[in-house]
PDB file of N, CA and C in Angstrom:
ATOM      1  N   MET A   1       0.397  -1.059   0.062  1.00  0.00           N
ATOM      2  CA  MET A   1      -0.437   0.589   0.138  1.00  0.00           C
ATOM      3  C   MET A   1       1.050   1.344   0.198  1.00  0.00           C
ATOM      4  N   MET A   2       0.910   1.974  -0.711  1.00  0.00           N
ATOM      5  CA  MET A   2       1.065   3.412  -0.879  1.00  0.00           C
ATOM      6  C   MET A   2       0.380   4.523  -0.025  1.00  0.00           C
ATOM      7  N   VAL A   3       1.517   5.031   0.255  1.00  0.00           N
ATOM      8  CA  VAL A   3       1.029   6.578   0.953  1.00  0.00           C
ATOM      9  C   VAL A   3       1.108   7.420   0.215  1.00  0.00           C
ATOM     10  N   ASP A   4       0.239   8.632   0.152  1.00  0.00           N
ATOM     11  CA  ASP A   4      -0.397   9.565  -0.317  1.00  0.00           C
ATOM     12  C   ASP A   4       1.184  10.312  -1.014  1.00  0.00           C
ATOM     13  N   VAL A   5       2.605  10.745  -0.150  1.00  0.00           N
ATOM     14  CA  VAL A   5       3.543  11.406  -0.297  1.00  0.00           C
ATOM     15  C   VAL A   5       4.127  10.388  -1.501  1.00  0.00           C
ATOM     16  N   ASP A   6       4.392   9.000  -1.462  1.00  0.00           N
ATOM     17  CA  ASP A   6       5.308   8.073  -2.311  1.00  0.00           C
ATOM     18  C   ASP A   6       4.873   8.450  -4.045  1.00  0.00           C
ATOM     19  N   LYS A   7       3.162   7.911  -3.667  1.00  0.00           N
ATOM     20  CA  LYS A   7       2.208   8.477  -5.204  1.00  0.00           C
ATOM     21  C   LYS A   7       2.391  10.006  -5.432  1.00  0.00           C
ATOM     22  N   GLU A   8       2.480  11.328  -4.654  1.00  0.00           N
ATOM     23  CA  GLU A   8       3.028  11.797  -5.022  1.00  0.00           C
ATOM     24  C   GLU A   8       4.914  12.411  -6.010  1.00  0.00           C
ATOM     25  N   TYR A   9       5.372  11.055  -5.037  1.00  0.00           N
ATOM     26  CA  TYR A   9       6.860  11.357  -5.399  1.00  0.00           C
ATOM     27  C   TYR A   9       6.858  10.514  -7.114  1.00  0.00           C
ATOM     28  N   LYS A  10       6.439   9.770  -7.101  1.00  0.00           N
ATOM     29  CA  LYS A  10       6.458   8.001  -8.162  1.00  0.00           C
ATOM     30  C   LYS A  10       5.657   8.906  -9.567  1.00  0.00           C
ATOM     31  N   TYR A  11       4.570  10.203  -8.906  1.00  0.00           N
ATOM     32  CA  TYR A  11       4.118   9.766 -10.425  1.00  0.00           C
ATOM     33  C   TYR A  11       4.140  11.854 -10.709  1.00  0.00           C
ATOM     34  N   ASP A  12       4.256  12.140  -9.589  1.00  0.00           N
ATOM     35  CA  ASP A  12       4.329  13.599 -10.002  1.00  0.00           C
ATOM     36  C   ASP A  12       6.170  14.013 -10.148  1.00  0.00           C
ATOM     37  N   TRP A  13       6.271  14.012  -8.777  1.00  0.00           N
ATOM     38  CA  TRP A  13       8.062  14.381  -8.476  1.00  0.00           C
ATOM     39  C   TRP A  13       9.295  13.695  -9.142  1.00  0.00           C
ATOM     40  N   LEU A  14       8.873  12.549  -9.679  1.00  0.00           N
ATOM     41  CA  LEU A  14       9.780  11.462 -10.517  1.00  0.00           C
ATOM     42  C   LEU A  14       9.833  12.402 -11.455  1.00  0.00           C
ATOM     43  N   PRO A  15       9.082  11.624 -12.093  1.00  0.00           N
ATOM     44  CA  PRO A  15       8.992  12.367 -13.607  1.00  0.00           C
ATOM     45  C   PRO A  15       9.374  13.840 -14.245  1.00  0.00           C
ATOM     46  N   GLN A  16       8.784  14.642 -13.694  1.00  0.00           N
ATOM     47  CA  GLN A  16      10.101  16.302 -13.475  1.00  0.00           C
ATOM     48  C   GLN A  16      11.150  16.611 -13.194  1.00  0.00           C
ATOM     49  N   LEU A  17      11.495  15.342 -12.406  1.00  0.00           N
ATOM     50  CA  LEU A  17      13.142  15.227 -12.063  1.00  0.00           C
ATOM     51  C   LEU A  17      13.854  14.718 -13.784  1.00  0.00           C
ATOM     52  N   VAL A  18      13.446  13.022 -13.456  1.00  0.00           N
ATOM     53  CA  VAL A  18      14.072  13.015 -14.978  1.00  0.00           C
ATOM     54  C   VAL A  18      13.999  13.818 -15.612  1.00  0.00           C
ATOM     55  N   GLU A  19      12.964  14.073 -16.627  1.00  0.00           N
ATOM     56  CA  GLU A  19      13.308  15.597 -17.444  1.00  0.00           C
ATOM     57  C   GLU A  19      14.698  16.366 -17.422  1.00  0.00           C
ATOM     58  N   ARG A  20      14.117  17.368 -16.397  1.00  0.00           N
ATOM     59  CA  ARG A  20      15.529  18.317 -15.923  1.00  0.00           C
ATOM     60  C   ARG A  20      16.533  17.217 -15.872  1.00  0.00           C
ATOM     61  N   PHE A  21      16.916  16.011 -15.448  1.00  0.00           N
ATOM     62  CA  PHE A  21      18.337  15.493 -15.520  1.00  0.00           C
ATOM     63  C   PHE A  21      19.032  15.286 -17.261  1.00  0.00           C
ATOM     64  N   LYS A  22      17.385  14.736 -17.608  1.00  0.00           N
ATOM     65  CA  LYS A  22      17.999  14.819 -18.928  1.00  0.00           C
ATOM     66  C   LYS A  22      18.365  16.002 -19.765  1.00  0.00           C
ATOM     67  N   ALA A  23      17.744  17.276 -19.533  1.00  0.00           N
ATOM     68  CA  ALA A  23      17.761  17.918 -20.047  1.00  0.00           C
ATOM     69  C   ALA A  23      19.318  18.866 -19.583  1.00  0.00           C
ATOM     70  N   SER A  24      19.567  18.405 -18.738  1.00  0.00           N
ATOM     71  CA  SER A  24      20.835  19.324 -18.361  1.00  0.00           C
ATOM     72  C   SER A  24      22.304  18.708 -19.331  1.00  0.00           C
ATOM     73  N   ILE A  25      21.205  17.254 -18.708  1.00  0.00           N
ATOM     74  CA  ILE A  25      22.785  16.286 -19.878  1.00  0.00           C
ATOM     75  C   ILE A  25      22.662  16.318 -21.510  1.00  0.00           C
ATOM     76  N   ASP A  26      21.837  17.097 -22.364  1.00  0.00           N
ATOM     77  CA  ASP A  26      21.691  17.669 -23.282  1.00  0.00           C
ATOM     78  C   ASP A  26      22.667  18.988 -23.795  1.00  0.00           C
ATOM     79  N   SER A  27      22.171  19.982 -22.011  1.00  0.00           N
ATOM     80  CA  SER A  27      22.958  21.687 -22.677  1.00  0.00           C
ATOM     81  C   SER A  27      24.145  21.201 -22.271  1.00  0.00           C
ATOM     82  N   ARG A  28      24.516  20.410 -21.387  1.00  0.00           N
ATOM     83  CA  ARG A  28      25.558  20.434 -21.332  1.00  0.00           C
ATOM     84  C   ARG A  28      26.459  19.513 -22.252  1.00  0.00           C
ATOM     85  N   ALA A  29      25.879  18.474 -22.562  1.00  0.00           N
ATOM     86  CA  ALA A  29      26.937  18.085 -23.849  1.00  0.00           C
ATOM     87  C   ALA A  29      26.625  19.271 -24.911  1.00  0.00           C
ATOM     88  N   SER A  30      25.565  20.139 -25.773  1.00  0.00           N
ATOM     89  CA  SER A  30      26.048  21.462 -26.244  1.00  0.00           C
ATOM     90  C   SER A  30      26.846  22.111 -25.825  1.00  0.00           C
ATOM     91  N   PHE A  31      27.177  22.696 -24.873  1.00  0.00           N
ATOM     92  CA  PHE A  31      27.663  23.770 -23.927  1.00  0.00           C
ATOM     93  C   PHE A  31      29.215  22.862 -24.179  1.00  0.00           C
ATOM     94  N   ASN A  32      29.734  21.507 -24.009  1.00  0.00           N
ATOM     95  CA  ASN A  32      31.076  20.949 -24.238  1.00  0.00           C
ATOM     96  C   ASN A  32      31.144  20.939 -25.686  1.00  0.00           C
ATOM     97  N   ALA A  33      30.596  20.924 -26.158  1.00  0.00           N
ATOM     98  CA  ALA A  33      30.594  21.134 -28.150  1.00  0.00           C
ATOM     99  C   ALA A  33      31.155  22.730 -28.533  1.00  0.00           C
ATOM    100  N   ASN A  34      30.765  23.610 -27.824  1.00  0.00           N
ATOM    101  CA  ASN A  34      31.615  24.856 -27.474  1.00  0.00           C
ATOM    102  C   ASN A  34      30.163  25.868 -28.292  1.00  0.00           C
ATOM    103  N   GLU A  35      29.346  25.359 -28.465  1.00  0.00           N
ATOM    104  CA  GLU A  35      28.067  26.076 -28.809  1.00  0.00           C
ATOM    105  C   GLU A  35      28.355  27.457 -27.527  1.00  0.00           C
ATOM    106  N   GLY A  36      28.221  26.829 -26.367  1.00  0.00           N
ATOM    107  CA  GLY A  36      27.712  27.546 -24.889  1.00  0.00           C
ATOM    108  C   GLY A  36      29.009  28.617 -24.904  1.00  0.00           C
ATOM    109  N   LEU A  37      30.139  27.700 -25.286  1.00  0.00           N
ATOM    110  CA  LEU A  37      31.200  28.857 -25.224  1.00  0.00           C
ATOM    111  C   LEU A  37      31.346  29.964 -25.929  1.00  0.00           C
ATOM    112  N   ILE A  38      31.524  29.731 -27.380  1.00  0.00           N
ATOM    113  CA  ILE A  38      31.589  30.657 -28.299  1.00  0.00           C
ATOM    114  C   ILE A  38      30.402  31.816 -28.023  1.00  0.00           C
ATOM    115  N   ALA A  39      29.019  31.257 -27.229  1.00  0.00           N
ATOM    116  CA  ALA A  39      28.176  32.195 -27.155  1.00  0.00           C
ATOM    117  C   ALA A  39      29.537  33.119 -25.323  1.00  0.00           C
ATOM    118  N   MET A  40      29.354  32.237 -25.187  1.00  0.00           N
ATOM    119  CA  MET A  40      29.859  33.454 -23.770  1.00  0.00           C
ATOM    120  C   MET A  40      30.977  33.939 -24.250  1.00  0.00           C
ATOM    121  N   ALA A  41      32.157  33.738 -24.520  1.00  0.00           N
ATOM    122  CA  ALA A  41      32.961  34.342 -25.282  1.00  0.00           C
ATOM    123  C   ALA A  41      32.693  35.496 -26.013  1.00  0.00           C
ATOM    124  N   ARG A  42      31.165  35.640 -26.776  1.00  0.00           N
ATOM    125  CA  ARG A  42      30.793  36.783 -27.733  1.00  0.00           C
ATOM    126  C   ARG A  42      30.157  37.730 -26.970  1.00  0.00           C
ATOM    127  N   SER A  43      29.943  37.533 -26.117  1.00  0.00           N
ATOM    128  CA  SER A  43      28.789  38.067 -25.403  1.00  0.00           C
ATOM    129  C   SER A  43      30.120  39.151 -24.444  1.00  0.00           C
ATOM    130  N   GLU A  44      31.272  38.104 -23.961  1.00  0.00           N
ATOM    131  CA  GLU A  44      32.261  39.206 -22.919  1.00  0.00           C
ATOM    132  C   GLU A  44      32.312  39.913 -23.614  1.00  0.00           C
ATOM    133  N   ALA A  45      32.914  39.861 -25.645  1.00  0.00           N
ATOM    134  CA  ALA A  45      33.584  40.461 -26.444  1.00  0.00           C
ATOM    135  C   ALA A  45      33.057  41.606 -26.550  1.00  0.00           C
ATOM    136  N   GLN A  46      31.081  41.731 -26.228  1.00  0.00           N
ATOM    137  CA  GLN A  46      31.072  43.090 -27.033  1.00  0.00           C
ATOM    138  C   GLN A  46      30.998  43.697 -25.437  1.00  0.00           C
ATOM    139  N   ARG A  47      30.986  43.192 -24.761  1.00  0.00           N
ATOM    140  CA  ARG A  47      31.228  44.286 -22.600  1.00  0.00           C
ATOM    141  C   ARG A  47      32.248  45.054 -22.980  1.00  0.00           C
ATOM    142  N   ALA A  48      33.106  44.245 -23.717  1.00  0.00           N
ATOM    143  CA  ALA A  48      35.281  44.852 -23.420  1.00  0.00           C
ATOM    144  C   ALA A  48      34.500  45.865 -23.870  1.00  0.00           C
ATOM    145  N   VAL A  49      35.788  46.390 -23.046  1.00  0.00           N
ATOM    146  CA  VAL A  49      36.069  47.853 -22.760  1.00  0.00           C
ATOM    147  C   VAL A  49      37.456  47.887 -23.846  1.00  0.00           C
ATOM    148  N   LEU A  50      37.626  49.489 -25.443  1.00  0.00           N
ATOM    149  CA  LEU A  50      38.915  48.858 -25.508  1.00  0.00           C
ATOM    150  C   LEU A  50      39.816  50.042 -25.466  1.00  0.00           C
ATOM    151  N   PHE A  51      41.184  49.558 -24.874  1.00  0.00           N
ATOM    152  CA  PHE A  51      42.105  50.702 -24.271  1.00  0.00           C
ATOM    153  C   PHE A  51      43.203  50.487 -24.775  1.00  0.00           C
ATOM    154  N   GLN A  52      43.778  51.300 -25.207  1.00  0.00           N
ATOM    155  CA  GLN A  52      45.224  51.971 -26.427  1.00  0.00           C
ATOM    156  C   GLN A  52      45.563  52.883 -25.505  1.00  0.00           C
ATOM    157  N   ALA A  53      46.384  52.349 -25.359  1.00  0.00           N
ATOM    158  CA  ALA A  53      48.455  53.386 -24.260  1.00  0.00           C
ATOM    159  C   ALA A  53      48.846  54.142 -25.665  1.00  0.00           C
TER     160      ALA A  53
END
C-alpha cells in the first residue's frame, strides 16, 4: 500500500526530475560542443572596453 507522499513522488516529482536531468545532460553536451562557450566569448567581447595606450 502506497501512502500519498509516495504516490506524489512516483507520479509527480519523479517524472519532472527525470526530465530536468535529461535536459541538463543535453545542455552540457551542447556546451561541451563549444556552442555555449562561443556564445559566452561573444557576449564577453561585446562588453569589453577597448583600451589603447
